[in-house]
Amino acid sequence: MNIDKYKNTMEYPQRPKSICNCGEPFSSTRPPNYCSECGEPLADEYNAKIEQYKELKKQYNEQTDRLEELFKADALEECGLTGHTKADKAYSMAWERGHSDGLMHVYYELEELAELLL
């Protein structure tokens, strides 16, 4: 199984830094209104950047979810579990046991569980 097919190639978005264009940091204890250094209004600009960041993060997470669903379908098919009554349970167990080590370990766990079910 080619695991590279399921890697999210989108760049993970970086949360915008709370710094004015002049380089002055925003106060973390109160909402930013105006830069104390240059007097520029900050809240609207920063809030717009935060909203853009949230949207990019949402897109990244949706892509990751799609790729994980594709992996699940392909892994179940390769292991001969597509349509099996215990397929979802086997995949859940394989995911729990292997996902912290990567998708290839999930696949290895699923192969072992498939031997018991088939």
C-alpha atoms as a PDB file:
ATOM      1  CA  MET A   1       0.000   0.000   0.000  1.00  0.00           C
ATOM      2  CA  ASN A   2       1.374   3.399  -1.005  1.00  0.00           C
ATOM      3  CA  ILE A   3       0.894   5.554   2.098  1.00  0.00           C
ATOM      4  CA  ASP A   4       2.140   8.727   0.366  1.00  0.00           C
ATOM      5  CA  LYS A   5      -1.187   8.839  -1.483  1.00  0.00           C
ATOM      6  CA  TYR A   6      -2.916   9.729   1.794  1.00  0.00           C
ATOM      7  CA  LYS A   7      -0.637  12.531   3.016  1.00  0.00           C
ATOM      8  CA  ASN A   8      -2.066  16.012   3.117  1.00  0.00           C
ATOM      9  CA  THR A   9       0.132  18.151   0.866  1.00  0.00           C
ATOM     10  CA  MET A  10      -1.504  21.402   1.919  1.00  0.00           C
ATOM     11  CA  GLU A  11       0.670  23.593   4.090  1.00  0.00           C
ATOM     12  CA  TYR A  12      -0.655  23.830   7.630  1.00  0.00           C
ATOM     13  CA  PRO A  13      -1.704  27.457   8.207  1.00  0.00           C
ATOM     14  CA  GLN A  14       0.195  29.564  10.703  1.00  0.00           C
ATOM     15  CA  ARG A  15      -1.759  31.586  13.233  1.00  0.00           C
ATOM     16  CA  PRO A  16      -1.140  35.275  12.558  1.00  0.00           C
ATOM     17  CA  LYS A  17       1.142  36.995  14.972  1.00  0.00           C
ATOM     18  CA  SER A  18      -0.379  39.834  16.899  1.00  0.00           C
ATOM     19  CA  ILE A  19       2.082  42.416  15.638  1.00  0.00           C
ATOM     20  CA  CYS A  20       1.359  45.705  13.914  1.00  0.00           C
ATOM     21  CA  ASN A  21       2.926  46.466  10.554  1.00  0.00           C
ATOM     22  CA  CYS A  22       5.378  48.742  12.369  1.00  0.00           C
ATOM     23  CA  GLY A  23       6.553  45.771  14.474  1.00  0.00           C
ATOM     24  CA  GLU A  24       4.895  46.732  17.761  1.00  0.00           C
ATOM     25  CA  PRO A  25       3.295  43.712  19.528  1.00  0.00           C
ATOM     26  CA  PHE A  26      -0.362  43.847  20.488  1.00  0.00           C
ATOM     27  CA  SER A  27      -1.244  43.644  24.146  1.00  0.00           C
ATOM     28  CA  SER A  28      -2.342  40.141  25.123  1.00  0.00           C
ATOM     29  CA  THR A  29      -4.263  41.446  28.152  1.00  0.00           C
ATOM     30  CA  ARG A  30      -6.753  43.633  26.289  1.00  0.00           C
ATOM     31  CA  PRO A  31      -8.234  43.707  22.807  1.00  0.00           C
ATOM     32  CA  PRO A  32      -6.022  45.658  20.410  1.00  0.00           C
ATOM     33  CA  ASN A  33      -7.497  48.902  19.155  1.00  0.00           C
ATOM     34  CA  TYR A  34      -4.623  51.102  18.097  1.00  0.00           C
ATOM     35  CA  CYS A  35      -0.911  50.545  17.941  1.00  0.00           C
ATOM     36  CA  SER A  36       0.803  52.441  20.727  1.00  0.00           C
ATOM     37  CA  GLU A  37       3.783  53.066  18.457  1.00  0.00           C
ATOM     38  CA  CYS A  38       2.265  54.270  15.171  1.00  0.00           C
ATOM     39  CA  GLY A  39      -1.424  54.816  16.047  1.00  0.00           C
ATOM     40  CA  GLU A  40      -2.787  52.483  13.353  1.00  0.00           C
ATOM     41  CA  PRO A  41      -6.090  50.705  14.086  1.00  0.00           C
ATOM     42  CA  LEU A  42      -5.362  47.048  14.808  1.00  0.00           C
ATOM     43  CA  ALA A  43      -8.459  45.124  15.789  1.00  0.00           C
ATOM     44  CA  ASP A  44     -10.143  44.952  12.383  1.00  0.00           C
ATOM     45  CA  GLU A  45      -6.972  43.975  10.542  1.00  0.00           C
ATOM     46  CA  TYR A  46      -6.038  41.327  13.100  1.00  0.00           C
ATOM     47  CA  ASN A  47      -9.584  39.928  13.251  1.00  0.00           C
ATOM     48  CA  ALA A  48      -9.619  39.627   9.445  1.00  0.00           C
ATOM     49  CA  LYS A  49      -6.325  37.708   9.559  1.00  0.00           C
ATOM     50  CA  ILE A  50      -7.713  35.420  12.286  1.00  0.00           C
ATOM     51  CA  GLU A  51     -10.822  34.686  10.199  1.00  0.00           C
ATOM     52  CA  GLN A  52      -8.653  33.873   7.189  1.00  0.00           C
ATOM     53  CA  TYR A  53      -6.506  31.605   9.380  1.00  0.00           C
ATOM     54  CA  LYS A  54      -9.606  29.787  10.667  1.00  0.00           C
ATOM     55  CA  GLU A  55     -10.863  29.224   7.114  1.00  0.00           C
ATOM     56  CA  LEU A  56      -7.491  27.879   5.950  1.00  0.00           C
ATOM     57  CA  LYS A  57      -7.319  25.596   8.993  1.00  0.00           C
ATOM     58  CA  LYS A  58     -10.836  24.333   8.252  1.00  0.00           C
ATOM     59  CA  GLN A  59      -9.849  23.558   4.643  1.00  0.00           C
ATOM     60  CA  TYR A  60      -6.727  21.747   5.838  1.00  0.00           C
ATOM     61  CA  ASN A  61      -8.727  19.634   8.303  1.00  0.00           C
ATOM     62  CA  GLU A  62     -11.373  18.806   5.682  1.00  0.00           C
ATOM     63  CA  GLN A  63      -8.660  17.638   3.280  1.00  0.00           C
ATOM     64  CA  THR A  64      -7.096  15.510   6.035  1.00  0.00           C
ATOM     65  CA  ASP A  65     -10.494  13.956   6.799  1.00  0.00           C
ATOM     66  CA  ARG A  66     -11.087  13.154   3.101  1.00  0.00           C
ATOM     67  CA  LEU A  67      -7.689  11.492   2.818  1.00  0.00           C
ATOM     68  CA  GLU A  68      -8.259   9.447   5.979  1.00  0.00           C
ATOM     69  CA  GLU A  69     -11.631   8.247   4.646  1.00  0.00           C
ATOM     70  CA  LEU A  70      -9.971   7.279   1.362  1.00  0.00           C
ATOM     71  CA  PHE A  71      -7.263   5.421   3.297  1.00  0.00           C
ATOM     72  CA  LYS A  72      -9.881   3.581   5.332  1.00  0.00           C
ATOM     73  CA  ALA A  73     -11.787   2.461   2.236  1.00  0.00           C
ATOM     74  CA  ASP A  74      -8.629   1.352   0.441  1.00  0.00           C
ATOM     75  CA  ALA A  75      -7.192  -0.427   3.495  1.00  0.00           C
ATOM     76  CA  LEU A  76     -10.421  -2.313   4.133  1.00  0.00           C
ATOM     77  CA  GLU A  77     -10.546  -3.346   0.484  1.00  0.00           C
ATOM     78  CA  GLU A  78      -6.919  -4.532   0.414  1.00  0.00           C
ATOM     79  CA  CYS A  79      -7.460  -6.550   3.592  1.00  0.00           C
ATOM     80  CA  GLY A  80     -10.634  -8.109   2.199  1.00  0.00           C
ATOM     81  CA  LEU A  81     -12.905  -6.527   4.786  1.00  0.00           C
ATOM     82  CA  THR A  82     -15.059  -4.327   2.532  1.00  0.00           C
ATOM     83  CA  GLY A  83     -18.665  -5.137   3.386  1.00  0.00           C
ATOM     84  CA  HIS A  84     -17.731  -7.305   6.365  1.00  0.00           C
ATOM     85  CA  THR A  85     -20.015  -6.822   9.367  1.00  0.00           C
ATOM     86  CA  LYS A  86     -17.030  -6.194  11.650  1.00  0.00           C
ATOM     87  CA  ALA A  87     -15.091  -3.960   9.215  1.00  0.00           C
ATOM     88  CA  ASP A  88     -15.735  -0.705  11.076  1.00  0.00           C
ATOM     89  CA  LYS A  89     -14.885  -2.241  14.441  1.00  0.00           C
ATOM     90  CA  ALA A  90     -11.681  -3.769  13.054  1.00  0.00           C
ATOM     91  CA  TYR A  91     -10.666  -0.452  11.508  1.00  0.00           C
ATOM     92  CA  SER A  92     -11.376   1.399  14.757  1.00  0.00           C
ATOM     93  CA  MET A  93      -9.212  -1.044  16.677  1.00  0.00           C
ATOM     94  CA  ALA A  94      -6.420  -0.798  14.088  1.00  0.00           C
ATOM     95  CA  TRP A  95      -6.616   3.000  14.177  1.00  0.00           C
ATOM     96  CA  GLU A  96      -6.462   3.078  17.963  1.00  0.00           C
ATOM     97  CA  ARG A  97      -3.455   0.777  18.031  1.00  0.00           C
ATOM     98  CA  GLY A  98      -1.467   2.234  15.161  1.00  0.00           C
ATOM     99  CA  HIS A  99      -2.321   5.824  14.242  1.00  0.00           C
ATOM    100  CA  SER A 100       0.253   7.399  16.550  1.00  0.00           C
ATOM    101  CA  ASP A 101       2.957   5.621  14.522  1.00  0.00           C
ATOM    102  CA  GLY A 102       1.488   6.508  11.120  1.00  0.00           C
ATOM    103  CA  LEU A 103      -0.922   5.113   8.592  1.00  0.00           C
ATOM    104  CA  MET A 104       1.319   2.202   7.661  1.00  0.00           C
ATOM    105  CA  HIS A 105       1.034   0.899  11.226  1.00  0.00           C
ATOM    106  CA  VAL A 106      -2.745   1.235  11.046  1.00  0.00           C
ATOM    107  CA  TYR A 107      -2.629  -0.887   7.915  1.00  0.00           C
ATOM    108  CA  TYR A 108      -0.417  -3.527   9.586  1.00  0.00           C
ATOM    109  CA  GLU A 109      -2.802  -3.705  12.543  1.00  0.00           C
ATOM    110  CA  LEU A 110      -5.769  -4.029  10.191  1.00  0.00           C
ATOM    111  CA  GLU A 111      -4.065  -6.868   8.300  1.00  0.00           C
ATOM    112  CA  GLU A 112      -3.588  -8.775  11.557  1.00  0.00           C
ATOM    113  CA  LEU A 113      -7.200  -8.246  12.591  1.00  0.00           C
ATOM    114  CA  ALA A 114      -8.405  -9.294   9.137  1.00  0.00           C
ATOM    115  CA  GLU A 115      -6.702 -12.666   9.595  1.00  0.00           C
ATOM    116  CA  LEU A 116      -8.911 -13.286  12.602  1.00  0.00           C
ATOM    117  CA  LEU A 117     -12.098 -12.239  10.830  1.00  0.00           C
ATOM    118  CA  LEU A 118     -11.670 -14.033   7.504  1.00  0.00           C
END
